[in-house]
Amino acid sequence: MSGKLIHRHIDVNGVRLHIAEQGEGPLVLLLHGWPESWYSWRHQFEPLAAAGYRVVAPDQRGYARSEQPADVTAYTMLHLVGDVVALIRELGEERAILVGHDMGAPVAWVTAMLRPDVVSGVAGLSVPPVLPTGLVPPSITRTLYGERFYQIYFQQPGVVDAEFAKDIASSFRRVLYGASGDNPRAQQPRPWVIPEGMTPLDTMPEPPALPAWLTEDDIRAYAEDFALHGADAFTGAFNWYRNIERNHELLAAFQGRGIDVPALYVVGDRDMVTALRGPGGVRADVGKVAPRLHAQLTLPGCGHWTQQERPAEVNAALLDFFAHLDSGATR
């Protein structure tokens, strides 16, 4: 029996986090990306729990039902990794399998790099391991893609926050469809660059219809949780991006370290991430950074929202990886 999905709050490192939890067995932590929440894993809870795992998906700090620290510097990678480590401990466990998507993938990768003693295995969806900090800093992406690259645009405190919070449901419809494999523009992935005079949302019009994997109920679930923070609905999420450069300063001592635990990487062939370039950012480097790589999978026709667009394939890949961890077969 996998039991029912339950919701509760846990205090970690002085921040109150909401978690969704189902099942019993080895702990699996599902770490969402931007601009998502626990709900992005809605198709993973039951299958993973039914297979004998304790599945926990937090709203990470600043997101949805979790607390949103006011200080922008409270969102460094060290804070985020600290939350994962503390959450494992507060759940009464010593180790966990980490699965991260989008911005949650760097958190998973870096946690595995810094604390292999508490990580049994790590799976990244969409974003590959770019160590030691998880993402290429603005000082480099600015040179690669220009001042209008989305991560540079996100650096402006208050500006993009207000643009996204003006109509939360519309923002989710635009972003979730816009970066999906169902958007015709995604057939040829390209970096997200905001043309002069436009906002990020201007580049992603309201879709004529939602794709089959996304419903208005899904949009409502996201929007209602983010609306709990009012005008600051997205500020905590954007603050993650505002610490990327700071992360490179804080983690400079770990330059050259790799990931010593078994790993899995899954990406859609229509994901914008596949069009990015930069130090360590290419998929060919995954096996070099994570030498115990179990598999690297590319999902045809899939865009950025990996586990939502292709839940059956993602669940099968995760369970295959977990089985290898359980048997000790992963090299």
Protein backbone atom coordinates (compact mmCIF):
# COMPACT_ATOMS: atom_id res chain seq x y z
CA MET A 1 0.00 0.00 0.00
CA SER A 2 1.39 3.39 -0.97
CA GLY A 3 -0.98 5.33 1.29
CA LYS A 4 -2.45 8.75 0.71
CA LEU A 5 -0.69 11.96 -0.23
CA ILE A 6 -0.35 14.11 2.88
CA HIS A 7 0.69 17.74 3.35
CA ARG A 8 2.50 19.27 6.30
CA HIS A 9 5.14 21.85 7.24
CA ILE A 10 8.66 21.29 8.56
CA ASP A 11 11.07 23.87 9.97
CA VAL A 12 14.58 23.66 8.51
CA ASN A 13 17.36 26.18 9.09
CA GLY A 14 14.89 28.74 10.41
CA VAL A 15 12.62 28.50 7.35
CA ARG A 16 9.21 26.82 7.35
CA LEU A 17 8.86 24.52 4.34
CA HIS A 18 5.71 22.88 3.04
CA ILE A 19 6.09 19.26 1.95
CA ALA A 20 3.87 16.74 0.19
CA GLU A 21 4.57 13.14 1.15
CA GLN A 22 3.44 9.66 0.19
CA GLY A 23 4.62 6.09 0.77
CA GLU A 24 7.10 4.21 2.93
CA GLY A 25 10.60 2.95 2.24
CA PRO A 26 13.87 4.55 1.11
CA LEU A 27 13.52 8.33 0.98
CA VAL A 28 13.22 10.04 -2.41
CA LEU A 29 13.32 13.86 -2.40
CA LEU A 30 11.77 15.53 -5.45
CA LEU A 31 13.12 19.06 -5.95
CA HIS A 32 11.04 21.26 -8.26
CA GLY A 33 12.29 23.98 -10.56
CA TRP A 34 11.28 27.49 -11.60
CA PRO A 35 8.51 28.62 -11.40
CA GLU A 36 6.98 25.47 -9.99
CA SER A 37 6.18 23.75 -6.69
CA TRP A 38 5.54 20.33 -5.20
CA TYR A 39 2.67 20.08 -7.68
CA SER A 40 5.04 19.61 -10.62
CA TRP A 41 5.61 16.06 -9.29
CA ARG A 42 1.91 15.15 -9.18
CA HIS A 43 2.45 12.25 -11.62
CA GLN A 44 5.38 10.79 -9.67
CA PHE A 45 3.95 10.33 -6.15
CA GLU A 46 1.73 7.30 -6.68
CA PRO A 47 4.01 5.27 -9.01
CA LEU A 48 7.14 5.79 -6.91
CA ALA A 49 5.32 5.22 -3.62
CA ALA A 50 3.65 2.08 -5.00
CA ALA A 51 7.10 0.76 -5.90
CA GLY A 52 8.16 0.97 -2.24
CA TYR A 53 9.63 4.44 -1.75
CA ARG A 54 8.92 7.28 0.64
CA VAL A 55 8.35 10.18 -1.73
CA VAL A 56 8.67 13.74 -0.42
CA ALA A 57 8.39 16.90 -2.53
CA PRO A 58 8.99 20.20 -0.74
CA ASP A 59 8.07 23.65 -1.88
CA GLN A 60 11.62 24.94 -1.70
CA ARG A 61 12.36 28.19 0.14
CA GLY A 62 10.63 31.17 -1.42
CA TYR A 63 8.11 29.10 -3.36
CA ALA A 64 4.37 28.46 -3.10
CA ARG A 65 3.28 27.36 0.41
CA SER A 66 6.76 27.64 1.94
CA GLU A 67 8.19 30.63 3.75
CA GLN A 68 9.81 33.39 1.70
CA PRO A 69 12.81 35.02 3.45
CA ALA A 70 12.95 38.75 2.74
CA ASP A 71 16.73 38.99 2.30
CA VAL A 72 17.83 38.23 -1.26
CA THR A 73 21.08 36.75 0.05
CA ALA A 74 19.10 34.03 1.87
CA TYR A 75 18.75 32.12 -1.41
CA THR A 76 22.34 31.06 -2.13
CA MET A 77 23.15 27.53 -3.22
CA LEU A 78 24.59 26.88 0.24
CA HIS A 79 21.21 27.79 1.77
CA LEU A 80 19.39 25.52 -0.67
CA VAL A 81 21.73 22.59 -0.13
CA GLY A 82 21.47 23.20 3.61
CA ASP A 83 17.69 22.91 3.35
CA VAL A 84 17.97 19.54 1.61
CA VAL A 85 20.40 18.16 4.17
CA ALA A 86 18.30 19.45 7.07
CA LEU A 87 15.11 18.10 5.51
CA ILE A 88 16.61 14.61 5.28
CA ARG A 89 17.51 14.82 8.96
CA GLU A 90 14.13 16.25 10.03
CA LEU A 91 12.39 13.42 8.19
CA GLY A 92 14.30 10.99 10.40
CA GLU A 93 16.50 9.63 7.62
CA GLU A 94 20.26 9.45 7.10
CA ARG A 95 20.32 9.33 3.30
CA ALA A 96 18.05 10.08 0.34
CA ILE A 97 17.83 9.71 -3.41
CA LEU A 98 17.61 13.19 -4.92
CA VAL A 99 15.65 14.01 -8.08
CA GLY A 100 15.74 17.59 -9.31
CA HIS A 101 14.17 19.35 -12.27
CA ASP A 102 15.19 22.70 -13.79
CA MET A 103 16.51 24.90 -10.92
CA GLY A 104 15.96 21.95 -8.60
CA ALA A 105 18.48 19.93 -10.62
CA PRO A 106 21.43 22.18 -9.68
CA VAL A 107 20.37 21.87 -6.04
CA ALA A 108 20.38 18.09 -6.39
CA TRP A 109 23.70 17.98 -8.28
CA VAL A 110 25.49 20.33 -5.88
CA THR A 111 24.11 18.54 -2.81
CA ALA A 112 25.48 15.28 -4.23
CA MET A 113 28.83 16.96 -4.82
CA LEU A 114 29.09 18.55 -1.37
CA ARG A 115 27.41 15.84 0.75
CA PRO A 116 27.76 12.41 -0.89
CA ASP A 117 27.46 10.95 2.61
CA VAL A 118 23.72 11.76 2.64
CA VAL A 119 22.94 11.10 -1.04
CA SER A 120 22.37 7.54 -2.27
CA GLY A 121 21.93 8.62 -5.87
CA VAL A 122 21.06 11.73 -7.86
CA ALA A 123 18.88 12.28 -10.92
CA GLY A 124 18.74 15.54 -12.84
CA LEU A 125 15.94 16.40 -15.26
CA SER A 126 16.57 19.10 -17.89
CA VAL A 127 19.59 20.87 -16.35
CA PRO A 128 22.90 18.95 -16.46
CA PRO A 129 25.54 19.24 -13.73
CA VAL A 130 27.50 22.49 -14.09
CA LEU A 131 29.80 22.32 -11.09
CA PRO A 132 30.72 23.55 -8.58
CA THR A 133 27.73 25.90 -8.36
CA GLY A 134 25.02 24.43 -10.55
CA LEU A 135 24.65 27.21 -13.14
CA VAL A 136 26.83 29.39 -15.36
CA PRO A 137 27.14 32.88 -13.79
CA PRO A 138 25.75 36.09 -15.34
CA SER A 139 29.30 37.33 -15.97
CA ILE A 140 29.58 34.53 -18.55
CA THR A 141 25.99 34.25 -19.84
CA ARG A 142 25.99 38.01 -20.52
CA THR A 143 28.94 37.50 -22.87
CA LEU A 144 27.41 34.40 -24.47
CA TYR A 145 23.85 35.66 -25.02
CA GLY A 146 23.81 39.41 -24.36
CA GLU A 147 22.09 41.71 -21.89
CA ARG A 148 18.62 40.46 -22.83
CA PHE A 149 19.23 36.83 -21.84
CA TYR A 150 16.44 35.83 -19.47
CA GLN A 151 18.74 35.14 -16.50
CA ILE A 152 20.20 38.64 -16.86
CA TYR A 153 16.70 40.13 -17.11
CA PHE A 154 15.75 38.32 -13.89
CA GLN A 155 18.49 40.14 -11.98
CA GLN A 156 16.39 43.34 -11.76
CA PRO A 157 14.75 43.36 -8.28
CA GLY A 158 11.05 44.10 -8.38
CA VAL A 159 10.72 44.51 -12.14
CA VAL A 160 10.13 40.98 -13.41
CA ASP A 161 8.51 40.09 -10.06
CA ALA A 162 5.70 42.59 -10.72
CA GLU A 163 5.32 41.51 -14.35
CA PHE A 164 4.69 37.89 -13.35
CA ALA A 165 2.55 38.67 -10.28
CA LYS A 166 0.13 40.91 -12.20
CA ASP A 167 -1.82 37.88 -13.46
CA ILE A 168 -0.45 34.74 -11.85
CA ALA A 169 -2.63 32.25 -13.74
CA SER A 170 -1.80 33.84 -17.08
CA SER A 171 1.91 33.77 -16.22
CA PHE A 172 1.75 30.05 -15.59
CA ARG A 173 -0.21 29.34 -18.78
CA ARG A 174 2.28 31.32 -20.85
CA VAL A 175 5.44 29.85 -19.33
CA LEU A 176 4.30 26.24 -19.09
CA TYR A 177 3.05 26.18 -22.67
CA GLY A 178 5.79 28.41 -24.05
CA ALA A 179 8.65 26.16 -22.92
CA SER A 180 6.85 22.90 -23.67
CA GLY A 181 7.48 20.55 -26.54
CA ASP A 182 3.94 21.30 -27.77
CA ASN A 183 4.87 24.86 -28.68
CA PRO A 184 5.80 24.82 -32.41
CA ARG A 185 8.68 27.18 -31.68
CA ALA A 186 10.25 24.53 -29.43
CA GLN A 187 10.93 22.24 -32.38
CA GLN A 188 14.17 24.18 -32.81
CA PRO A 189 15.29 24.97 -29.24
CA ARG A 190 17.04 28.28 -28.74
CA PRO A 191 18.23 30.35 -25.76
CA TRP A 192 15.52 32.49 -24.17
CA VAL A 193 16.50 36.03 -25.14
CA ILE A 194 14.05 38.90 -24.51
CA PRO A 195 13.87 41.33 -27.47
CA GLU A 196 14.36 44.99 -26.64
CA GLY A 197 11.11 46.65 -25.57
CA MET A 198 9.52 43.33 -24.57
CA THR A 199 9.09 41.47 -21.28
CA PRO A 200 9.62 37.72 -20.80
CA LEU A 201 5.87 37.17 -20.85
CA ASP A 202 5.56 39.09 -24.11
CA THR A 203 7.68 36.38 -25.73
CA MET A 204 5.22 33.72 -24.56
CA PRO A 205 1.67 34.63 -25.62
CA GLU A 206 -1.37 32.97 -24.05
CA PRO A 207 -1.72 29.58 -25.80
CA PRO A 208 -4.67 28.98 -28.13
CA ALA A 209 -5.32 25.81 -26.13
CA LEU A 210 -3.54 23.93 -23.37
CA PRO A 211 -1.59 20.79 -24.32
CA ALA A 212 -2.96 17.41 -23.26
CA TRP A 213 -0.64 17.15 -20.24
CA LEU A 214 -1.77 20.47 -18.75
CA THR A 215 -5.26 21.47 -17.55
CA GLU A 216 -6.86 24.59 -16.15
CA ASP A 217 -7.07 22.76 -12.83
CA ASP A 218 -3.28 22.42 -12.94
CA ILE A 219 -2.90 26.14 -13.65
CA ARG A 220 -5.25 26.91 -10.77
CA ALA A 221 -3.27 24.68 -8.37
CA TYR A 222 -0.04 26.54 -9.15
CA ALA A 223 -1.64 29.98 -9.09
CA GLU A 224 -3.45 29.53 -5.78
CA ASP A 225 -0.27 28.44 -4.01
CA PHE A 226 1.82 31.28 -5.41
CA ALA A 227 -0.92 33.82 -4.64
CA LEU A 228 -0.31 33.18 -0.93
CA HIS A 229 2.64 35.59 -1.23
CA GLY A 230 0.55 38.36 -2.81
CA ALA A 231 2.53 40.92 -4.81
CA ASP A 232 5.70 38.96 -3.98
CA ALA A 233 4.31 35.75 -5.50
CA PHE A 234 7.41 35.14 -7.62
CA THR A 235 10.05 37.14 -5.71
CA GLY A 236 11.45 34.19 -3.80
CA ALA A 237 11.76 32.22 -7.04
CA PHE A 238 13.57 35.05 -8.83
CA ASN A 239 15.89 35.49 -5.86
CA TRP A 240 17.46 32.13 -6.70
CA TYR A 241 18.68 33.66 -9.98
CA ARG A 242 19.94 36.76 -8.16
CA ASN A 243 22.46 34.62 -6.28
CA ILE A 244 24.07 32.77 -9.19
CA GLU A 245 27.11 35.06 -9.29
CA ARG A 246 27.38 34.98 -5.50
CA ASN A 247 27.29 31.18 -5.60
CA HIS A 248 30.46 31.16 -7.72
CA GLU A 249 32.24 33.21 -5.10
CA LEU A 250 31.02 31.05 -2.21
CA LEU A 251 31.79 27.72 -3.86
CA ALA A 252 35.07 28.61 -5.58
CA ALA A 253 36.95 26.24 -3.26
CA PHE A 254 35.12 23.27 -4.81
CA GLN A 255 36.20 23.98 -8.40
CA GLY A 256 37.24 20.68 -9.97
CA ARG A 257 35.14 18.44 -7.74
CA GLY A 258 32.81 15.95 -9.36
CA ILE A 259 29.87 13.82 -8.28
CA ASP A 260 30.87 10.59 -6.57
CA VAL A 261 27.44 8.95 -6.31
CA PRO A 262 25.41 7.10 -8.98
CA ALA A 263 23.63 9.50 -11.33
CA LEU A 264 20.92 9.73 -13.99
CA TYR A 265 20.28 12.52 -16.49
CA VAL A 266 17.07 12.96 -18.51
CA VAL A 267 16.29 15.76 -20.98
CA GLY A 268 13.77 16.45 -23.74
CA ASP A 269 15.10 17.06 -27.23
CA ARG A 270 12.94 20.20 -27.46
CA ASP A 271 14.16 21.62 -24.15
CA MET A 272 15.70 25.10 -24.42
CA VAL A 273 18.53 23.84 -22.20
CA THR A 274 19.82 21.71 -25.09
CA ALA A 275 20.58 24.92 -27.03
CA LEU A 276 22.70 26.47 -24.28
CA ARG A 277 26.47 26.46 -24.36
CA GLY A 278 29.10 27.32 -21.81
CA PRO A 279 31.59 25.80 -19.38
CA GLY A 280 30.48 22.29 -18.49
CA GLY A 281 27.00 22.96 -19.83
CA VAL A 282 26.97 20.53 -22.73
CA ARG A 283 25.40 17.13 -22.33
CA ALA A 284 28.59 15.42 -23.47
CA ASP A 285 30.23 16.47 -20.20
CA VAL A 286 27.71 14.77 -17.90
CA GLY A 287 29.67 11.51 -17.76
CA LYS A 288 32.88 13.37 -17.01
CA VAL A 289 31.34 15.30 -14.10
CA ALA A 290 29.42 12.25 -12.84
CA PRO A 291 31.59 9.22 -13.68
CA ARG A 292 29.10 6.83 -12.05
CA LEU A 293 26.44 7.86 -14.58
CA HIS A 294 23.86 5.09 -14.88
CA ALA A 295 22.16 6.47 -17.98
CA GLN A 296 21.62 9.61 -20.01
CA LEU A 297 18.24 9.71 -21.73
CA THR A 298 16.84 12.09 -24.35
CA LEU A 299 13.04 12.11 -24.73
CA PRO A 300 11.82 12.82 -28.28
CA GLY A 301 9.28 15.62 -28.61
CA CYS A 302 9.61 16.62 -24.97
CA GLY A 303 10.19 20.22 -23.97
CA HIS A 304 11.36 21.72 -20.69
CA TRP A 305 8.74 20.34 -18.27
CA THR A 306 10.18 16.83 -18.34
CA GLN A 307 8.26 14.95 -15.64
CA GLN A 308 4.98 16.69 -16.47
CA GLU A 309 5.16 16.25 -20.25
CA ARG A 310 6.44 12.66 -20.19
CA PRO A 311 5.49 11.17 -16.80
CA ALA A 312 5.42 7.53 -17.91
CA GLU A 313 8.89 7.66 -19.45
CA VAL A 314 10.34 9.63 -16.53
CA ASN A 315 8.81 7.30 -13.94
CA ALA A 316 10.16 4.24 -15.76
CA ALA A 317 13.64 5.79 -15.95
CA LEU A 318 13.59 6.72 -12.26
CA LEU A 319 12.41 3.29 -11.12
CA ASP A 320 15.05 1.58 -13.26
CA PHE A 321 17.70 3.83 -11.67
CA PHE A 322 16.36 3.22 -8.17
CA ALA A 323 16.38 -0.55 -8.77
CA HIS A 324 20.05 -0.40 -9.70
CA LEU A 325 20.75 1.57 -6.54
CA ASP A 326 18.90 -0.99 -4.45
CA SER A 327 20.76 -3.90 -6.05
CA GLY A 328 24.13 -2.19 -6.01
CA ALA A 329 24.37 -2.79 -9.77
CA THR A 330 25.09 0.84 -10.67
CA ARG A 331 28.80 1.03 -11.38
